[in-house]
Amino acid sequence: MNYLNLLLFLHLLGAIIFLGNIITAAFWKIRADIKGNPTFIHNTVKNVMLADFIFTLPGLLIIIITGSLMAAQAGYSMSGFNWLTLSMILFSLSGILWLTVLLPIQRSMIRHSAESIKDGIISKAYRKASLYWAIFGITTTLFPVVILYFMITKGF
């Protein structure tokens, strides 16, 4: 296996881990909210946060490192507006939203779901945080899906 093939393999593996986790985490979180059990919701939102650090973050790092190495090796231009620079902009925006918006919301959901266990019902504060998590989570998930399309088609 040559160097570029290894990088491509690792890049795709990183993308699978990254996208797979963010999509799967949303699935489990939505299921927990539908079930409506405060303890189950609390455990789920804690595990969503844990999975971000075990899967999403390493997948992200693998994507960034291998993508940068492949782009440099292949001689892709990092200047001007093309599929690669737009992908990097979207990836950066997704990361910024995750760090500045989603992680604090996840911490809030953990805190509010713990309080909901004591009360026996899901609090309005949890529902509000959960709604914001869904809105920003959809955005931060759609960006990488669009990037995946650009990476495959290299359309412009």
Protein backbone atom coordinates (compact mmCIF):
# COMPACT_ATOMS: atom_id res chain seq x y z
CA MET A 1 0.00 0.00 0.00
CA ASN A 2 1.51 3.32 -1.00
CA TYR A 3 1.50 6.47 1.11
CA LEU A 4 -1.46 8.18 -0.62
CA ASN A 5 -3.60 5.04 -0.42
CA LEU A 6 -2.87 4.78 3.29
CA LEU A 7 -3.80 8.43 3.78
CA LEU A 8 -6.99 7.96 1.78
CA PHE A 9 -7.91 4.87 3.80
CA LEU A 10 -7.33 6.71 7.09
CA HIS A 11 -9.22 9.76 5.79
CA LEU A 12 -12.25 7.67 4.86
CA LEU A 13 -12.05 5.80 8.16
CA GLY A 14 -12.00 9.14 10.00
CA ALA A 15 -15.00 10.35 7.99
CA ILE A 16 -16.94 7.16 8.76
CA ILE A 17 -16.18 7.41 12.47
CA PHE A 18 -16.95 11.14 12.54
CA LEU A 19 -20.20 11.13 10.54
CA GLY A 20 -21.30 7.79 11.94
CA ASN A 21 -21.03 9.01 15.50
CA ILE A 22 -22.76 12.35 15.03
CA ILE A 23 -25.66 10.72 13.20
CA THR A 24 -25.92 7.81 15.63
CA ALA A 25 -25.72 10.11 18.66
CA ALA A 26 -28.64 12.15 17.32
CA PHE A 27 -30.63 8.95 16.81
CA TRP A 28 -30.12 7.79 20.41
CA LYS A 29 -30.78 11.25 21.82
CA ILE A 30 -34.07 11.57 19.90
CA ARG A 31 -35.11 8.08 21.02
CA ALA A 32 -34.41 8.98 24.65
CA ASP A 33 -36.42 12.19 24.37
CA ILE A 34 -39.35 10.30 22.85
CA LYS A 35 -39.25 7.74 25.65
CA GLY A 36 -39.51 10.60 28.14
CA ASN A 37 -37.83 8.83 31.06
CA PRO A 38 -35.63 11.39 32.89
CA THR A 39 -33.06 8.79 33.99
CA PHE A 40 -32.81 7.31 30.49
CA ILE A 41 -32.50 10.80 28.98
CA HIS A 42 -29.81 11.76 31.47
CA ASN A 43 -27.77 8.63 30.76
CA THR A 44 -28.17 9.14 27.02
CA VAL A 45 -27.07 12.78 26.98
CA LYS A 46 -24.05 11.91 29.15
CA ASN A 47 -23.15 9.14 26.68
CA VAL A 48 -23.61 11.46 23.71
CA MET A 49 -21.03 13.77 25.28
CA LEU A 50 -18.72 10.84 26.00
CA ALA A 51 -19.07 9.51 22.45
CA ASP A 52 -18.10 12.94 21.10
CA PHE A 53 -14.77 12.67 22.89
CA ILE A 54 -14.21 8.98 22.07
CA PHE A 55 -15.32 9.01 18.41
CA THR A 56 -16.14 12.46 17.01
CA LEU A 57 -12.98 14.21 18.16
CA PRO A 58 -10.54 11.48 17.00
CA GLY A 59 -12.43 11.19 13.69
CA LEU A 60 -12.15 14.94 13.29
CA LEU A 61 -8.41 14.90 13.96
CA ILE A 62 -7.86 12.02 11.51
CA ILE A 63 -9.83 13.89 8.82
CA ILE A 64 -7.88 17.13 9.33
CA ILE A 65 -4.45 15.51 9.40
CA THR A 66 -4.92 13.10 6.49
CA GLY A 67 -6.89 15.62 4.42
CA SER A 68 -4.16 18.24 4.79
CA LEU A 69 -1.43 15.74 3.93
CA MET A 70 -3.32 14.45 0.87
CA ALA A 71 -4.10 17.96 -0.39
CA ALA A 72 -0.45 18.97 -0.06
CA GLN A 73 0.77 15.73 -1.66
CA ALA A 74 -1.68 16.03 -4.57
CA GLY A 75 -0.87 19.71 -5.13
CA TYR A 76 -4.40 21.00 -4.59
CA SER A 77 -4.62 24.75 -4.38
CA MET A 78 -5.53 26.11 -0.97
CA SER A 79 -6.07 29.58 -2.41
CA GLY A 80 -9.05 30.87 -4.32
CA PHE A 81 -12.54 29.49 -4.08
CA ASN A 82 -12.87 25.83 -4.96
CA TRP A 83 -14.38 22.64 -3.54
CA LEU A 84 -11.48 22.20 -1.13
CA THR A 85 -11.49 25.71 0.31
CA LEU A 86 -15.30 25.68 0.64
CA SER A 87 -15.03 22.29 2.37
CA MET A 88 -12.47 23.69 4.77
CA ILE A 89 -14.68 26.71 5.51
CA LEU A 90 -17.71 24.50 6.18
CA PHE A 91 -15.63 22.12 8.30
CA SER A 92 -14.30 25.04 10.32
CA LEU A 93 -17.81 26.45 10.81
CA SER A 94 -19.03 23.05 11.92
CA GLY A 95 -16.17 22.79 14.43
CA ILE A 96 -16.74 26.30 15.74
CA LEU A 97 -20.46 25.59 16.24
CA TRP A 98 -19.65 22.32 17.99
CA LEU A 99 -17.16 23.93 20.37
CA THR A 100 -18.98 27.17 21.09
CA VAL A 101 -22.63 26.15 20.90
CA LEU A 102 -23.22 22.40 20.99
CA LEU A 103 -20.82 21.44 23.78
CA PRO A 104 -22.24 24.07 26.16
CA ILE A 105 -25.77 22.97 25.23
CA GLN A 106 -24.82 19.34 25.88
CA ARG A 107 -23.49 20.29 29.31
CA SER A 108 -26.75 22.15 29.94
CA MET A 109 -28.79 19.11 28.88
CA ILE A 110 -26.79 16.92 31.26
CA ARG A 111 -27.35 19.36 34.13
CA HIS A 112 -31.07 19.84 33.40
CA SER A 113 -31.70 16.14 32.86
CA ALA A 114 -30.09 15.39 36.25
CA GLU A 115 -32.45 17.92 37.83
CA SER A 116 -35.36 16.29 35.98
CA ILE A 117 -34.56 12.96 37.65
CA LYS A 118 -35.12 14.58 41.05
CA ASP A 119 -38.44 16.09 39.92
CA GLY A 120 -39.57 13.00 38.03
CA ILE A 121 -40.51 14.99 34.91
CA ILE A 122 -38.56 16.53 32.07
CA SER A 123 -38.02 20.21 32.79
CA LYS A 124 -38.77 23.07 30.44
CA ALA A 125 -35.10 24.05 30.70
CA TYR A 126 -34.08 20.61 29.38
CA ARG A 127 -36.63 20.80 26.55
CA LYS A 128 -35.35 24.25 25.56
CA ALA A 129 -31.72 23.10 25.57
CA SER A 130 -32.72 19.98 23.63
CA LEU A 131 -34.47 22.09 20.98
CA TYR A 132 -31.39 24.28 20.53
CA TRP A 133 -29.22 21.16 20.37
CA ALA A 134 -31.43 19.79 17.59
CA ILE A 135 -31.35 23.03 15.58
CA PHE A 136 -27.59 23.55 15.82
CA GLY A 137 -26.94 19.81 15.62
CA ILE A 138 -28.71 19.57 12.28
CA THR A 139 -26.58 22.41 10.95
CA THR A 140 -23.32 20.94 12.19
CA THR A 141 -24.29 17.57 10.71
CA LEU A 142 -25.35 18.92 7.32
CA PHE A 143 -22.06 20.74 6.77
CA PRO A 144 -19.99 17.51 6.86
CA VAL A 145 -22.52 15.77 4.60
CA VAL A 146 -22.12 18.56 2.04
CA ILE A 147 -18.34 18.31 2.45
CA LEU A 148 -18.52 14.56 1.80
CA TYR A 149 -20.32 15.32 -1.47
CA PHE A 150 -17.61 17.84 -2.45
CA MET A 151 -14.85 15.40 -1.55
CA ILE A 152 -16.35 12.75 -3.81
CA THR A 153 -17.27 14.96 -6.78
CA LYS A 154 -14.56 17.64 -6.56
CA GLY A 155 -17.13 19.59 -8.56
CA PHE A 156 -15.57 23.03 -8.88
